[in-house]
Structure formats: C-alpha cells, structure tokens
Protein backbone atom coordinates (compact mmCIF):
# COMPACT_ATOMS: atom_id res chain seq x y z
CA MET A 1 279.78 130.83 -39.87
CA SER A 2 276.66 132.57 -40.06
CA TYR A 3 272.90 131.21 -40.84
CA GLY A 4 269.69 132.41 -41.43
CA ASP A 5 268.06 128.94 -41.85
CA ASP A 6 268.04 126.16 -39.21
CA GLU A 7 268.38 123.45 -42.07
CA VAL A 8 271.62 125.11 -43.03
CA ARG A 9 272.87 125.06 -39.32
CA TRP A 10 272.11 121.59 -39.28
CA GLU A 11 274.02 120.78 -42.47
CA ALA A 12 277.08 122.38 -41.11
CA VAL A 13 276.67 120.94 -37.56
CA THR A 14 276.31 117.22 -39.06
CA ALA A 15 279.52 117.69 -41.47
CA PHE A 16 281.76 119.16 -39.18
CA VAL A 17 280.94 116.69 -36.15
CA ARG A 18 281.02 113.58 -38.45
CA LEU A 19 284.62 114.55 -39.34
CA GLY A 20 285.81 114.43 -35.62
CA PRO A 21 285.49 110.69 -34.96
CA ALA A 22 286.87 110.09 -38.28
CA ARG A 23 290.04 111.98 -37.39
CA GLY A 24 290.20 110.36 -33.93
CA GLU A 25 289.31 113.62 -32.18
CA LYS A 26 287.03 114.46 -29.37
CA VAL A 27 283.83 116.53 -30.37
CA LEU A 28 282.02 118.92 -28.23
CA VAL A 29 278.71 120.30 -29.58
CA LEU A 30 277.26 123.43 -27.90
CA PRO A 31 274.03 123.85 -29.47
CA SER A 32 271.64 126.87 -29.50
CA PRO A 33 270.04 127.29 -26.19
CA GLY A 34 266.52 125.86 -26.17
CA VAL A 35 267.39 122.93 -28.64
CA PRO A 36 267.17 119.73 -26.66
CA ALA A 37 269.95 117.30 -26.92
CA ALA A 38 267.78 114.55 -28.12
CA GLU A 39 267.08 116.93 -31.17
CA VAL A 40 270.80 117.36 -31.75
CA LEU A 41 271.46 113.70 -31.61
CA ALA A 42 268.48 112.81 -33.79
CA ARG A 43 269.88 115.25 -36.50
CA LEU A 44 273.37 114.06 -36.17
CA ASP A 45 272.37 110.49 -36.46
CA PHE A 46 270.07 111.01 -39.48
CA PRO A 47 269.56 108.88 -41.50
CA SER A 48 271.57 106.12 -39.47
CA ARG A 49 273.05 106.02 -36.03
CA SER A 50 276.38 107.38 -37.15
CA THR A 51 277.27 109.06 -34.06
CA ALA A 52 276.28 106.38 -31.44
CA ALA A 53 279.37 104.58 -30.95
CA ALA A 54 281.28 107.96 -30.42
CA ARG A 55 278.62 109.15 -27.75
CA GLU A 56 278.92 105.76 -26.04
CA ARG A 57 282.72 105.98 -25.29
CA GLY A 58 282.41 109.66 -24.59
CA GLN A 59 284.08 110.93 -27.70
CA LEU A 60 280.93 113.07 -28.88
CA VAL A 61 279.33 115.21 -26.22
CA VAL A 62 276.64 117.28 -26.29
CA SER A 63 276.66 120.14 -23.71
CA SER A 64 276.06 123.99 -23.19
CA MET A 65 278.04 127.09 -22.63
CA ARG A 66 276.47 127.21 -19.20
CA GLU A 67 277.95 123.94 -18.19
CA VAL A 68 281.52 124.46 -19.88
CA LEU A 69 281.47 127.62 -17.52
CA SER A 70 280.12 125.92 -14.40
CA PRO A 71 280.36 126.32 -11.56
CA ASP A 72 280.88 129.97 -12.39
CA PRO A 73 277.42 131.68 -13.75
CA GLU A 74 279.09 134.51 -15.34
CA PHE A 75 280.98 134.75 -18.67
CA THR A 76 284.43 136.13 -18.91
CA ALA A 77 286.70 135.69 -21.84
CA ALA A 78 289.37 134.45 -19.65
CA ARG A 79 287.14 131.94 -18.24
CA GLN A 80 285.90 130.44 -21.21
CA MET A 81 289.09 130.19 -23.05
CA GLY A 82 290.52 128.44 -19.78
CA ARG A 83 287.88 125.82 -19.78
CA LEU A 84 288.37 125.28 -23.53
CA ARG A 85 291.98 124.78 -23.05
CA GLN A 86 291.17 122.35 -20.21
CA GLU A 87 288.76 120.27 -22.46
CA THR A 88 291.36 120.17 -25.04
CA ASP A 89 294.12 118.94 -22.79
CA ARG A 90 291.52 116.54 -21.38
CA ALA A 91 290.73 115.14 -24.93
CA THR A 92 294.44 114.56 -25.61
CA ALA A 93 295.19 112.86 -22.30
CA GLU A 94 292.16 110.64 -23.10
CA GLY A 95 294.21 109.70 -26.15
CA TYR A 96 292.34 111.50 -28.65
CA ALA A 97 294.01 113.50 -31.71
CA GLY A 98 292.45 116.86 -30.39
CA LEU A 99 289.13 118.63 -29.62
CA ARG A 100 286.93 120.22 -32.08
CA ALA A 101 284.05 122.09 -30.95
CA PHE A 102 280.80 123.54 -32.43
CA ILE A 103 279.60 126.49 -30.46
CA ASP A 104 276.15 128.09 -31.47
CA MET A 105 276.63 131.66 -30.48
CA GLY A 106 273.03 131.88 -29.07
CA TRP A 107 274.63 131.27 -25.69
CA VAL A 108 275.43 135.08 -25.41
CA ALA A 109 271.91 136.27 -24.82
CA ALA A 110 271.00 132.96 -22.84
CA LEU A 111 273.80 133.90 -20.40
CA GLY A 112 272.88 137.40 -20.53
CA ALA A 113 276.57 138.33 -21.51
CA GLU A 114 277.41 141.36 -23.13
CA VAL A 115 278.08 141.44 -26.86
CA GLU A 116 280.98 143.65 -26.63
CA VAL A 117 282.98 141.46 -24.28
CA MET A 118 281.95 138.28 -26.43
CA MET A 119 283.11 140.20 -29.44
CA ARG A 120 286.71 140.78 -27.87
CA ARG A 121 286.81 137.28 -26.97
CA GLU A 122 286.41 136.25 -30.53
CA SER A 123 288.99 138.72 -31.59
CA GLY A 124 291.47 137.45 -29.17
CA ALA A 125 291.22 133.74 -29.28
CA HIS A 126 294.19 132.81 -31.07
CA ALA A 127 296.06 131.31 -27.92
CA LEU A 128 293.22 128.69 -28.27
CA PHE A 129 294.72 127.40 -31.23
CA THR A 130 298.34 128.03 -31.06
CA GLY A 131 300.19 125.03 -30.24
CA ARG A 132 297.00 123.09 -29.44
CA PRO A 133 295.15 120.57 -31.34
CA TYR A 134 291.78 122.70 -31.32
CA THR A 135 289.42 123.41 -34.04
CA GLU A 136 286.23 125.40 -33.41
CA ILE A 137 283.07 126.80 -35.45
CA CYS A 138 281.20 129.94 -33.99
CA ALA A 139 277.91 129.84 -35.61
CA TYR A 140 275.81 133.01 -35.49
CA ASP A 141 272.02 133.05 -36.22
CA ARG A 142 271.59 136.08 -38.26
CA ARG A 143 268.04 136.61 -36.72
CA ARG A 144 269.81 137.16 -33.37
CA PHE A 145 272.78 139.24 -34.23
CA ASP A 146 272.72 142.67 -35.98
CA ARG A 147 274.72 143.24 -38.95
CA GLY A 148 277.38 145.23 -37.48
CA VAL A 149 278.22 142.43 -35.23
CA LEU A 150 278.33 139.92 -37.92
CA ALA A 151 280.68 142.04 -39.94
CA ALA A 152 282.87 142.45 -37.30
CA MET A 153 283.02 138.85 -36.43
CA GLU A 154 283.67 137.90 -40.25
CA ARG A 155 286.70 140.16 -40.09
CA ALA A 156 287.81 138.81 -36.80
CA HIS A 157 287.92 135.06 -37.74
CA PRO A 158 290.72 133.63 -39.69
CA ARG A 159 287.95 131.77 -41.93
CA THR A 160 284.31 132.51 -42.93
CA LEU A 161 282.53 129.39 -43.96
CA LEU A 162 280.10 129.30 -47.11
CA GLU A 163 276.61 129.23 -46.17
CA ARG A 164 275.56 125.90 -47.54
CA LEU A 165 277.54 122.77 -48.16
CA GLY A 166 278.30 122.33 -51.69
CA SER A 167 278.08 126.17 -52.61
CA LEU A 168 281.86 126.07 -53.88
CA ARG A 169 281.22 123.11 -56.15
CA ALA A 170 278.07 124.90 -57.41
CA GLU A 171 280.03 128.02 -57.99
CA PHE A 172 282.98 125.94 -59.75
CA SER A 173 280.38 123.94 -62.07
CA ARG A 174 279.01 127.39 -62.99
CA ALA A 175 282.29 128.70 -63.77
CA LEU A 176 283.04 125.65 -65.77
CA ARG A 177 280.10 125.79 -67.93
CA ILE A 178 280.63 129.27 -68.80
CA ALA A 179 284.35 128.68 -69.75
CA LEU A 180 283.16 125.68 -71.81
CA ALA A 181 280.45 127.98 -73.56
CA HIS A 182 283.16 130.40 -74.63
CA THR A 183 285.64 127.83 -75.75
CA ALA A 184 285.52 126.94 -79.42
CA PRO A 185 284.65 123.54 -80.36
CA ASP A 186 287.99 122.78 -81.87
CA ARG A 187 289.96 123.76 -78.76
CA ARG A 188 290.74 121.94 -75.36
CA LEU A 189 289.63 123.62 -72.11
CA THR A 190 292.46 123.74 -69.46
CA VAL A 191 291.62 124.17 -65.94
CA ASP A 192 294.72 125.46 -64.04
CA LEU A 193 294.10 125.37 -60.39
CA THR A 194 297.43 127.10 -59.33
CA ARG A 195 296.78 130.35 -61.02
CA PRO A 196 294.36 133.53 -60.26
CA LEU A 197 291.01 133.33 -61.86
CA ALA A 198 291.05 134.56 -65.49
CA LEU A 199 288.98 133.27 -68.31
CA THR A 200 290.56 133.12 -71.84
CA GLU A 201 289.73 130.83 -74.65
CA GLY A 202 290.65 127.58 -74.12
CA VAL A 203 292.35 128.07 -70.74
CA ALA A 204 290.18 128.44 -67.58
CA PRO A 205 292.49 128.82 -64.61
CA TRP A 206 291.27 129.00 -60.98
C-alpha cells in the first residue's frame, strides 16, 4: 500500500492488525522509524483497549526493522527474509495460526539501505509466502519515495490496496446509484457479481 496522509496509514494499520488476533495469528508491527511505540499502541487501541490482551500474551509485538535484523547492523534481502521466516516459524511453534506483519518502508532510509537492493527484495519475496502462513503489508509513504519506485513496487506486489478503507464500498454505491438512475421505473435492476462490468438497462453486472 502507499499513503500520503498519516491518518490513512493509521486506518490501514489498525484494520490489518486487529484481524490478526481475531484469526489466531501473531502480529508484528514495524512502524515508520521515529514513531514511538506508545503512539502506535494508542492508535491501535482507540477508542478502547482492544489490543491490550494480545500485547500482554505476546501475540502483538511492536518492533523495528533494526531489531528484526539485530545483531546484524546492515540490511540484506537474504538476511531480512531469513529473519521473517524465523519469526513465522516461531509464531506457529507458539501455537498461532501464522504471522502477519505490517512493515512501514520508512526503515529503508533509517537504515541507510540502498533503494535498489530493497526493490530487488520486494520483487523476489515469494519464498516468504510459499507454503507458509505469512501475511505482509509493505506501506510506502509517497512523501519519501519517488514515483518511479512506487510504480515499480505496485507492479512487483501481487496486490495493491486501495488507499482508504471503504473506498470500494463508495465506488460500488456510486455505480449502483448511476445504474438505478438509468433503469426505467417499471424495470427491476439486477446486480450480477459474477460477470464483467457492463451497464445495460435493467441489468448491472459487476
């Protein structure tokens, strides 16, 4: 995912993290460097202490890429992926259904890593997921990465998230209103979610 607004980032983090405990997964959050863990937890818990129990039993961990790579001070793609595989194995050994990680890519500049090396890692990370119960969101702050990098990363990842929660619902509602406006009063509008988008009178397939 990419974001250009901090509130958008927190919406995505919160939704992604809260799904973990609900599915019996362990959750690893690597926030943007410089964001205190206390702020991360306050955001995750708002408006209630919804993640407190998960934190207390070690199911939710707020860390950093530097800590993940420790004691090695430098980033390499092999080292990072090796550590994440270890964390996934540890999560399943602890009895969790898997591991989900939210990784803010601000760590690249914080660790002085080369963007090209990071991009190669992102393009070749399939082994992290193959045969493993691992889920990962890589979050790119558009204020830190140039457009070329962001475009390449969109192509490299198997999925790209919509920027705001509820965006798809808003688009669906808009399309539905348009379809209804073009449907004669004496006709019934049918929404067919199994077919490609094609608006015709009386039928709105999605």
